[in-house]
């Protein structure tokens, strides 16, 4: 999968999104200008120690992004979309683009992507959700539809083994 951030403004959001991308094997595409400096320590703090592991590509503009990804199938995540994000079938090489925190994806861009514009349902009186949360919601739906290709692993305990639990156990007050 590919997550595209068009002119992100808040370093903590971009850092959190980067952390989600690295944990899921998702590529991150960042389109300038940014509202922060890439080496901003709050960006790296939000991305934890994973920032160096992120598969990230930088672009000077949306046109630069299109030139370097000519065959990209792009979903535009926007509150202005007519279609819900769960109403589409994602492929594992799709691009999901999100706009800046302050203004979203420019409508001039959206006009060319009506059929692939998607939204997260929410109450009408609220403008939007947090960008990092929105990315996680839509990305995990796309990953789920693709059987979590490349990022599903079996969970494990740190100090114990699930084998110690035996069969079906229930929580008991200690």
N, C-alpha and C. Protein backbone atom coordinates (compact mmCIF):
# COMPACT_ATOMS: atom_id res chain seq x y z
N UNK A 1 0.85 -1.19 0.00
CA UNK A 1 0.00 0.00 0.00
C UNK A 1 0.89 1.24 0.00
N UNK A 2 0.28 2.35 -0.34
CA UNK A 2 0.97 3.64 -0.40
C UNK A 2 0.10 4.71 0.24
N UNK A 3 0.66 5.44 1.16
CA UNK A 3 -0.02 6.60 1.77
C UNK A 3 0.67 7.85 1.24
N UNK A 4 -0.13 8.80 0.79
CA UNK A 4 0.37 10.07 0.24
C UNK A 4 -0.15 11.20 1.12
N UNK A 5 0.75 12.04 1.58
CA UNK A 5 0.35 13.23 2.34
C UNK A 5 0.65 14.46 1.50
N UNK A 6 -0.40 15.19 1.17
CA UNK A 6 -0.26 16.41 0.37
C UNK A 6 -0.09 17.60 1.30
N UNK A 7 1.10 18.14 1.32
CA UNK A 7 1.45 19.33 2.09
C UNK A 7 1.07 19.24 3.58
N UNK A 8 1.55 18.20 4.27
CA UNK A 8 1.25 18.09 5.71
C UNK A 8 1.80 19.27 6.50
N UNK A 9 1.09 19.64 7.56
CA UNK A 9 1.46 20.84 8.32
C UNK A 9 1.95 20.54 9.74
N UNK A 10 1.52 19.45 10.31
CA UNK A 10 1.80 19.17 11.72
C UNK A 10 2.76 17.99 11.84
N UNK A 11 3.96 18.23 12.38
CA UNK A 11 4.98 17.17 12.41
C UNK A 11 4.56 15.94 13.22
N UNK A 12 3.83 16.12 14.30
CA UNK A 12 3.42 14.97 15.10
C UNK A 12 2.52 14.03 14.29
N UNK A 13 1.62 14.58 13.48
CA UNK A 13 0.77 13.74 12.64
C UNK A 13 1.61 12.96 11.63
N UNK A 14 2.52 13.64 10.96
CA UNK A 14 3.36 12.98 9.97
C UNK A 14 4.22 11.91 10.63
N UNK A 15 4.75 12.18 11.82
CA UNK A 15 5.53 11.18 12.55
C UNK A 15 4.70 9.97 12.91
N UNK A 16 3.48 10.20 13.40
CA UNK A 16 2.59 9.08 13.73
C UNK A 16 2.21 8.27 12.49
N UNK A 17 1.95 8.95 11.40
CA UNK A 17 1.62 8.28 10.15
C UNK A 17 2.82 7.47 9.66
N UNK A 18 4.01 8.03 9.78
CA UNK A 18 5.22 7.30 9.42
C UNK A 18 5.38 6.04 10.24
N UNK A 19 5.08 6.13 11.52
CA UNK A 19 5.17 4.95 12.38
C UNK A 19 4.16 3.89 11.95
N UNK A 20 2.95 4.29 11.61
CA UNK A 20 1.94 3.35 11.12
C UNK A 20 2.40 2.72 9.82
N UNK A 21 2.98 3.52 8.93
CA UNK A 21 3.46 3.00 7.65
C UNK A 21 4.57 1.97 7.84
N UNK A 22 5.54 2.28 8.67
CA UNK A 22 6.65 1.34 8.86
C UNK A 22 6.17 0.05 9.52
N UNK A 23 5.20 0.14 10.41
CA UNK A 23 4.69 -1.05 11.10
C UNK A 23 3.85 -1.94 10.20
N UNK A 24 3.38 -1.40 9.08
CA UNK A 24 2.52 -2.17 8.17
C UNK A 24 3.18 -2.43 6.81
N UNK A 25 4.42 -2.00 6.65
CA UNK A 25 5.09 -2.20 5.37
C UNK A 25 4.53 -1.33 4.26
N UNK A 26 3.98 -0.19 4.64
CA UNK A 26 3.35 0.73 3.69
C UNK A 26 4.35 1.82 3.31
N UNK A 27 4.37 2.19 2.02
CA UNK A 27 5.23 3.27 1.56
C UNK A 27 4.58 4.61 1.87
N UNK A 28 5.39 5.59 2.26
CA UNK A 28 4.90 6.94 2.56
C UNK A 28 5.43 7.89 1.49
N UNK A 29 4.53 8.70 0.94
CA UNK A 29 4.87 9.69 -0.08
C UNK A 29 4.50 11.06 0.47
N UNK A 30 5.46 11.96 0.51
CA UNK A 30 5.24 13.30 1.07
C UNK A 30 5.40 14.35 -0.02
N UNK A 31 4.35 15.16 -0.20
CA UNK A 31 4.35 16.21 -1.22
C UNK A 31 4.55 17.57 -0.55
N UNK A 32 5.59 18.28 -0.98
CA UNK A 32 5.92 19.60 -0.45
C UNK A 32 4.94 20.65 -0.94
N UNK A 33 4.90 21.80 -0.26
CA UNK A 33 5.69 22.19 0.91
C UNK A 33 5.11 21.61 2.20
N UNK A 34 5.98 21.46 3.20
CA UNK A 34 5.59 20.97 4.52
C UNK A 34 5.48 22.15 5.48
N UNK A 35 4.73 21.97 6.54
CA UNK A 35 4.62 23.00 7.57
C UNK A 35 5.66 22.82 8.66
N UNK A 36 6.72 22.08 8.40
CA UNK A 36 7.76 21.76 9.37
C UNK A 36 9.02 21.33 8.62
N UNK A 37 10.09 21.18 9.33
CA UNK A 37 11.35 20.70 8.76
C UNK A 37 11.41 19.20 9.00
N UNK A 38 11.80 18.44 7.99
CA UNK A 38 11.81 16.98 8.10
C UNK A 38 12.67 16.49 9.27
N UNK A 39 13.72 17.18 9.61
CA UNK A 39 14.52 16.73 10.74
C UNK A 39 13.99 17.25 12.08
N UNK A 40 12.81 17.83 12.06
CA UNK A 40 12.17 18.34 13.26
C UNK A 40 12.09 17.22 14.31
N UNK A 41 12.58 17.50 15.51
CA UNK A 41 12.63 16.43 16.52
C UNK A 41 11.24 15.97 16.95
N UNK A 42 10.21 16.82 16.84
CA UNK A 42 8.86 16.34 17.19
C UNK A 42 8.36 15.34 16.16
N UNK A 43 8.77 15.50 14.90
CA UNK A 43 8.43 14.53 13.85
C UNK A 43 9.05 13.19 14.20
N UNK A 44 10.32 13.21 14.54
CA UNK A 44 11.02 11.96 14.85
C UNK A 44 10.53 11.38 16.18
N UNK A 45 10.16 12.24 17.13
CA UNK A 45 9.64 11.74 18.40
C UNK A 45 8.32 11.01 18.19
N UNK A 46 7.44 11.58 17.37
CA UNK A 46 6.15 10.94 17.10
C UNK A 46 6.34 9.64 16.32
N UNK A 47 7.34 9.60 15.46
CA UNK A 47 7.62 8.40 14.68
C UNK A 47 8.48 7.41 15.45
N UNK A 48 8.81 7.79 16.67
CA UNK A 48 9.66 6.99 17.55
C UNK A 48 11.00 6.75 16.86
N UNK A 49 11.59 5.63 17.14
CA UNK A 49 12.89 5.33 16.55
C UNK A 49 12.74 4.64 15.20
N UNK A 50 11.53 4.69 14.63
CA UNK A 50 11.26 4.03 13.36
C UNK A 50 11.52 4.92 12.15
N UNK A 51 11.72 6.22 12.34
CA UNK A 51 11.77 7.14 11.21
C UNK A 51 12.81 6.72 10.17
N UNK A 52 13.96 6.21 10.60
CA UNK A 52 14.99 5.79 9.65
C UNK A 52 14.60 4.55 8.86
N UNK A 53 13.59 3.80 9.32
CA UNK A 53 13.15 2.58 8.64
C UNK A 53 12.00 2.82 7.66
N UNK A 54 11.47 4.02 7.63
CA UNK A 54 10.31 4.32 6.78
C UNK A 54 10.72 4.37 5.31
N UNK A 55 9.93 3.72 4.47
CA UNK A 55 10.12 3.79 3.02
C UNK A 55 9.39 5.06 2.57
N UNK A 56 10.13 6.17 2.47
CA UNK A 56 9.51 7.46 2.19
C UNK A 56 10.10 8.08 0.92
N UNK A 57 9.23 8.69 0.13
CA UNK A 57 9.64 9.40 -1.08
C UNK A 57 9.08 10.82 -0.99
N UNK A 58 9.90 11.79 -1.39
CA UNK A 58 9.52 13.20 -1.34
C UNK A 58 9.27 13.73 -2.75
N UNK A 59 8.31 14.64 -2.85
CA UNK A 59 7.96 15.25 -4.14
C UNK A 59 7.86 16.76 -3.96
N UNK A 60 8.16 17.49 -5.02
CA UNK A 60 8.10 18.95 -4.97
C UNK A 60 6.70 19.49 -5.17
N UNK A 61 5.81 18.69 -5.79
CA UNK A 61 4.45 19.14 -6.06
C UNK A 61 3.59 17.92 -6.40
N UNK A 62 2.28 18.13 -6.52
CA UNK A 62 1.40 17.05 -6.92
C UNK A 62 1.72 16.60 -8.35
N UNK A 63 2.05 17.56 -9.20
CA UNK A 63 2.43 17.21 -10.58
C UNK A 63 3.70 16.36 -10.60
N UNK A 64 4.65 16.67 -9.74
CA UNK A 64 5.87 15.86 -9.62
C UNK A 64 5.51 14.44 -9.18
N UNK A 65 4.61 14.32 -8.23
CA UNK A 65 4.13 13.01 -7.79
C UNK A 65 3.53 12.23 -8.95
N UNK A 66 2.64 12.89 -9.74
CA UNK A 66 2.00 12.23 -10.87
C UNK A 66 3.01 11.80 -11.93
N UNK A 67 3.99 12.65 -12.20
CA UNK A 67 5.02 12.32 -13.19
C UNK A 67 5.83 11.10 -12.78
N UNK A 68 6.10 10.97 -11.49
CA UNK A 68 6.91 9.86 -11.00
C UNK A 68 6.10 8.60 -10.70
N UNK A 69 4.78 8.71 -10.71
CA UNK A 69 3.88 7.57 -10.47
C UNK A 69 2.76 7.59 -11.51
N UNK A 70 3.11 7.48 -12.80
CA UNK A 70 2.11 7.69 -13.86
C UNK A 70 0.95 6.69 -13.87
N UNK A 71 1.16 5.50 -13.35
CA UNK A 71 0.11 4.48 -13.38
C UNK A 71 -0.58 4.31 -12.03
N UNK A 72 -0.36 5.24 -11.12
CA UNK A 72 -0.92 5.11 -9.78
C UNK A 72 -2.44 5.19 -9.79
N UNK A 73 -3.05 4.26 -9.08
CA UNK A 73 -4.50 4.33 -8.84
C UNK A 73 -4.64 5.02 -7.48
N UNK A 74 -5.17 6.23 -7.51
CA UNK A 74 -5.16 7.08 -6.32
C UNK A 74 -6.57 7.25 -5.76
N UNK A 75 -6.71 6.94 -4.47
CA UNK A 75 -7.94 7.26 -3.75
C UNK A 75 -7.69 8.55 -2.99
N UNK A 76 -8.64 9.46 -3.08
CA UNK A 76 -8.53 10.75 -2.40
C UNK A 76 -9.39 10.71 -1.14
N UNK A 77 -8.75 10.74 0.01
CA UNK A 77 -9.48 10.73 1.28
C UNK A 77 -9.85 12.17 1.63
N UNK A 78 -11.15 12.43 1.64
CA UNK A 78 -11.63 13.79 1.85
C UNK A 78 -13.02 13.79 2.47
N UNK A 79 -13.29 14.77 3.29
CA UNK A 79 -14.63 14.90 3.87
C UNK A 79 -15.65 15.29 2.81
N UNK A 80 -15.20 15.69 1.63
CA UNK A 80 -16.09 16.16 0.57
C UNK A 80 -16.57 15.03 -0.35
N UNK A 81 -16.08 13.81 -0.14
CA UNK A 81 -16.41 12.68 -1.02
C UNK A 81 -17.85 12.22 -0.85
N UNK A 82 -18.39 11.65 -1.90
CA UNK A 82 -19.74 11.09 -1.86
C UNK A 82 -19.74 9.64 -1.41
N UNK A 83 -18.61 8.97 -1.57
CA UNK A 83 -18.48 7.54 -1.31
C UNK A 83 -17.75 7.28 0.00
N UNK A 84 -18.19 6.27 0.74
CA UNK A 84 -17.55 5.87 1.98
C UNK A 84 -16.28 5.05 1.67
N UNK A 85 -15.30 5.13 2.53
CA UNK A 85 -14.04 4.41 2.32
C UNK A 85 -14.21 2.90 2.30
N UNK A 86 -15.29 2.38 2.86
CA UNK A 86 -15.53 0.93 2.86
C UNK A 86 -16.28 0.47 1.61
N UNK A 87 -16.68 1.40 0.76
CA UNK A 87 -17.45 1.07 -0.44
C UNK A 87 -16.59 0.78 -1.66
N UNK A 88 -15.29 0.73 -1.49
CA UNK A 88 -14.40 0.47 -2.62
C UNK A 88 -13.55 -0.76 -2.34
N UNK A 89 -12.99 -1.32 -3.41
CA UNK A 89 -12.10 -2.47 -3.29
C UNK A 89 -10.67 -2.01 -3.56
N UNK A 90 -9.85 -2.06 -2.52
CA UNK A 90 -8.46 -1.61 -2.62
C UNK A 90 -7.57 -2.75 -3.11
N UNK A 91 -6.61 -2.39 -3.94
CA UNK A 91 -5.57 -3.34 -4.34
C UNK A 91 -4.33 -3.04 -3.50
N UNK A 92 -3.44 -4.00 -3.40
CA UNK A 92 -2.30 -3.83 -2.51
C UNK A 92 -1.26 -2.83 -3.01
N UNK A 93 -1.43 -2.31 -4.22
CA UNK A 93 -0.50 -1.30 -4.73
C UNK A 93 -1.17 0.07 -4.90
N UNK A 94 -2.36 0.23 -4.33
CA UNK A 94 -3.07 1.51 -4.43
C UNK A 94 -2.38 2.61 -3.64
N UNK A 95 -2.72 3.85 -4.00
CA UNK A 95 -2.25 5.04 -3.30
C UNK A 95 -3.47 5.68 -2.65
N UNK A 96 -3.35 6.04 -1.38
CA UNK A 96 -4.43 6.74 -0.68
C UNK A 96 -3.86 8.08 -0.24
N UNK A 97 -4.44 9.14 -0.79
CA UNK A 97 -3.90 10.48 -0.54
C UNK A 97 -4.76 11.23 0.46
N UNK A 98 -4.08 11.96 1.34
CA UNK A 98 -4.71 12.78 2.37
C UNK A 98 -4.16 14.20 2.24
N UNK A 99 -5.01 15.18 2.48
CA UNK A 99 -4.59 16.58 2.38
C UNK A 99 -4.04 17.11 3.67
N UNK A 100 -3.68 18.37 3.65
CA UNK A 100 -3.13 19.02 4.83
C UNK A 100 -4.19 19.14 5.92
N UNK A 101 -3.72 19.27 7.14
CA UNK A 101 -4.62 19.36 8.28
C UNK A 101 -5.51 20.60 8.21
N UNK A 102 -5.02 21.68 7.66
CA UNK A 102 -5.78 22.92 7.63
C UNK A 102 -6.80 23.04 6.52
N UNK A 103 -6.50 22.45 5.35
CA UNK A 103 -7.41 22.67 4.23
C UNK A 103 -7.72 21.42 3.40
N UNK A 104 -7.14 20.29 3.74
CA UNK A 104 -7.43 19.07 2.99
C UNK A 104 -6.81 19.09 1.60
N UNK A 105 -7.31 18.22 0.74
CA UNK A 105 -6.84 18.16 -0.64
C UNK A 105 -7.51 19.30 -1.42
N UNK A 106 -6.74 20.06 -2.17
CA UNK A 106 -7.35 21.17 -2.93
C UNK A 106 -8.46 20.66 -3.86
N UNK A 107 -9.55 21.41 -3.92
CA UNK A 107 -10.68 21.02 -4.75
C UNK A 107 -10.30 20.93 -6.23
N UNK A 108 -9.31 21.71 -6.66
CA UNK A 108 -8.85 21.64 -8.05
C UNK A 108 -8.30 20.25 -8.37
N UNK A 109 -7.71 19.60 -7.40
CA UNK A 109 -7.23 18.23 -7.57
C UNK A 109 -8.40 17.26 -7.48
N UNK A 110 -9.26 17.45 -6.48
CA UNK A 110 -10.38 16.54 -6.26
C UNK A 110 -11.29 16.40 -7.48
N UNK A 111 -11.48 17.48 -8.21
CA UNK A 111 -12.37 17.45 -9.38
C UNK A 111 -12.01 16.35 -10.38
N UNK A 112 -10.73 15.98 -10.42
CA UNK A 112 -10.28 14.94 -11.34
C UNK A 112 -10.38 13.53 -10.75
N UNK A 113 -10.86 13.42 -9.52
CA UNK A 113 -10.86 12.13 -8.83
C UNK A 113 -12.21 11.82 -8.17
N UNK A 114 -13.27 12.28 -8.76
CA UNK A 114 -14.60 12.07 -8.16
C UNK A 114 -14.88 10.59 -7.90
N UNK A 115 -14.54 9.73 -8.85
CA UNK A 115 -14.87 8.30 -8.71
C UNK A 115 -14.01 7.58 -7.68
N UNK A 116 -12.88 8.17 -7.30
CA UNK A 116 -12.03 7.53 -6.30
C UNK A 116 -11.88 8.37 -5.03
N UNK A 117 -12.76 9.33 -4.85
CA UNK A 117 -12.76 10.11 -3.61
C UNK A 117 -13.56 9.33 -2.56
N UNK A 118 -12.99 9.20 -1.36
CA UNK A 118 -13.63 8.45 -0.28
C UNK A 118 -13.63 9.27 1.00
N UNK A 119 -14.60 8.97 1.85
CA UNK A 119 -14.71 9.70 3.12
C UNK A 119 -14.94 8.72 4.27
N UNK A 120 -14.65 9.19 5.45
CA UNK A 120 -14.94 8.46 6.68
C UNK A 120 -16.24 9.04 7.23
N UNK A 121 -17.25 8.22 7.46
CA UNK A 121 -18.53 8.76 7.98
C UNK A 121 -18.35 9.39 9.37
N UNK A 122 -19.01 10.50 9.58
CA UNK A 122 -19.01 11.16 10.89
C UNK A 122 -20.22 12.08 10.97
N UNK A 123 -20.49 12.56 12.13
CA UNK A 123 -21.62 13.46 12.32
C UNK A 123 -21.41 14.74 11.52
N UNK A 124 -22.49 15.24 10.96
CA UNK A 124 -22.45 16.38 10.04
C UNK A 124 -21.86 17.66 10.65
N UNK A 125 -22.08 17.86 11.94
CA UNK A 125 -21.64 19.13 12.54
C UNK A 125 -20.13 19.21 12.80
N UNK A 126 -19.39 18.11 12.54
CA UNK A 126 -17.95 18.12 12.77
C UNK A 126 -17.20 18.14 11.46
N UNK A 127 -16.14 18.92 11.44
CA UNK A 127 -15.40 19.18 10.20
C UNK A 127 -14.56 17.99 9.75
N UNK A 128 -13.82 17.38 10.67
CA UNK A 128 -12.93 16.30 10.26
C UNK A 128 -12.38 15.57 11.48
N UNK A 129 -11.70 14.48 11.21
CA UNK A 129 -10.98 13.72 12.24
C UNK A 129 -9.51 14.10 12.17
N UNK A 130 -8.76 13.70 13.17
CA UNK A 130 -7.31 13.90 13.15
C UNK A 130 -6.71 13.16 11.96
N UNK A 131 -5.73 13.77 11.30
CA UNK A 131 -5.13 13.20 10.11
C UNK A 131 -4.52 11.83 10.36
N UNK A 132 -3.75 11.67 11.43
CA UNK A 132 -3.12 10.38 11.71
C UNK A 132 -4.17 9.30 11.96
N UNK A 133 -5.25 9.66 12.65
CA UNK A 133 -6.33 8.69 12.87
C UNK A 133 -7.01 8.32 11.56
N UNK A 134 -7.24 9.30 10.70
CA UNK A 134 -7.89 9.05 9.41
C UNK A 134 -7.06 8.11 8.55
N UNK A 135 -5.75 8.34 8.53
CA UNK A 135 -4.87 7.45 7.76
C UNK A 135 -4.98 6.03 8.29
N UNK A 136 -4.92 5.87 9.60
CA UNK A 136 -4.98 4.53 10.20
C UNK A 136 -6.31 3.83 9.87
N UNK A 137 -7.40 4.56 9.95
CA UNK A 137 -8.72 3.97 9.67
C UNK A 137 -8.78 3.42 8.25
N UNK A 138 -8.43 4.24 7.28
CA UNK A 138 -8.55 3.83 5.88
C UNK A 138 -7.47 2.83 5.50
N UNK A 139 -6.25 3.04 5.97
CA UNK A 139 -5.17 2.10 5.65
C UNK A 139 -5.49 0.70 6.15
N UNK A 140 -5.98 0.59 7.37
CA UNK A 140 -6.26 -0.75 7.91
C UNK A 140 -7.44 -1.42 7.19
N UNK A 141 -8.37 -0.65 6.68
CA UNK A 141 -9.43 -1.26 5.85
C UNK A 141 -8.83 -1.78 4.55
N UNK A 142 -7.96 -1.01 3.92
CA UNK A 142 -7.32 -1.46 2.69
C UNK A 142 -6.45 -2.69 2.95
N UNK A 143 -5.72 -2.69 4.05
CA UNK A 143 -4.91 -3.86 4.40
C UNK A 143 -5.79 -5.07 4.68
N UNK A 144 -6.88 -4.87 5.39
CA UNK A 144 -7.80 -5.97 5.70
C UNK A 144 -8.33 -6.60 4.41
N UNK A 145 -8.72 -5.74 3.46
CA UNK A 145 -9.24 -6.25 2.20
C UNK A 145 -8.20 -7.07 1.44
N UNK A 146 -6.93 -6.82 1.70
CA UNK A 146 -5.84 -7.55 1.05
C UNK A 146 -5.22 -8.58 1.99
N UNK A 147 -6.00 -9.02 2.96
CA UNK A 147 -5.58 -10.05 3.93
C UNK A 147 -4.29 -9.68 4.66
N UNK A 148 -4.11 -8.40 4.92
CA UNK A 148 -2.94 -7.90 5.65
C UNK A 148 -1.64 -8.39 5.04
N UNK A 149 -1.62 -8.43 3.72
CA UNK A 149 -0.46 -8.93 2.98
C UNK A 149 0.84 -8.30 3.50
N UNK A 150 1.74 -9.16 3.92
CA UNK A 150 3.07 -8.71 4.33
C UNK A 150 3.18 -8.14 5.72
N UNK A 151 2.06 -7.99 6.45
CA UNK A 151 2.21 -7.35 7.76
C UNK A 151 1.50 -8.10 8.89
N UNK A 152 1.06 -9.32 8.64
CA UNK A 152 0.37 -10.05 9.68
C UNK A 152 1.34 -11.01 10.35
N UNK A 153 1.48 -10.89 11.64
CA UNK A 153 2.32 -11.82 12.37
C UNK A 153 1.58 -12.27 13.63
N UNK A 154 1.98 -13.41 14.15
CA UNK A 154 1.33 -13.96 15.33
C UNK A 154 1.83 -13.22 16.57
N UNK A 155 0.91 -12.78 17.39
CA UNK A 155 1.29 -12.08 18.61
C UNK A 155 1.91 -13.02 19.63
N UNK A 156 2.71 -12.47 20.51
CA UNK A 156 3.34 -13.28 21.55
C UNK A 156 3.46 -12.48 22.83
N UNK A 157 3.48 -13.20 23.91
CA UNK A 157 3.67 -12.60 25.23
C UNK A 157 5.16 -12.35 25.45
N UNK A 158 5.50 -11.44 26.34
CA UNK A 158 6.90 -11.13 26.58
C UNK A 158 7.52 -12.03 27.64
N UNK A 159 6.82 -12.26 28.74
CA UNK A 159 7.38 -13.05 29.84
C UNK A 159 6.83 -14.46 29.91
N UNK A 160 5.78 -14.73 29.18
CA UNK A 160 5.13 -16.04 29.22
C UNK A 160 4.87 -16.52 27.79
N UNK A 161 4.28 -17.68 27.69
CA UNK A 161 3.90 -18.25 26.40
C UNK A 161 2.41 -18.50 26.40
N UNK A 162 1.77 -18.32 25.25
CA UNK A 162 0.34 -18.61 25.17
C UNK A 162 0.08 -20.08 25.48
N UNK A 163 1.05 -20.95 25.26
CA UNK A 163 0.89 -22.37 25.56
C UNK A 163 0.62 -22.61 27.04
N UNK A 164 1.10 -21.72 27.91
CA UNK A 164 0.87 -21.84 29.35
C UNK A 164 -0.60 -21.69 29.71
N UNK A 165 -1.37 -21.03 28.84
CA UNK A 165 -2.78 -20.75 29.13
C UNK A 165 -3.64 -21.99 29.02
N UNK A 166 -3.16 -23.02 28.36
CA UNK A 166 -3.97 -24.23 28.19
C UNK A 166 -5.06 -23.98 27.18
N UNK A 167 -6.22 -24.61 27.41
CA UNK A 167 -7.34 -24.47 26.49
C UNK A 167 -8.04 -23.16 26.64
N UNK A 168 -9.34 -23.19 26.68
CA UNK A 168 -10.14 -21.98 26.83
C UNK A 168 -10.09 -21.52 28.28
N UNK A 169 -9.49 -20.39 28.50
CA UNK A 169 -9.43 -19.83 29.85
C UNK A 169 -10.23 -18.55 29.88
N UNK A 170 -10.70 -18.19 31.06
CA UNK A 170 -11.41 -16.95 31.23
C UNK A 170 -10.68 -16.11 32.26
N UNK A 171 -10.90 -14.83 32.20
CA UNK A 171 -10.27 -13.92 33.13
C UNK A 171 -10.83 -14.16 34.52
N UNK A 172 -9.95 -14.24 35.50
CA UNK A 172 -10.37 -14.41 36.89
C UNK A 172 -9.77 -13.29 37.72
N UNK A 173 -10.56 -12.78 38.64
CA UNK A 173 -10.08 -11.74 39.53
C UNK A 173 -9.00 -12.32 40.41
N UNK A 174 -7.87 -11.63 40.50
CA UNK A 174 -6.74 -12.14 41.28
C UNK A 174 -6.72 -11.56 42.67
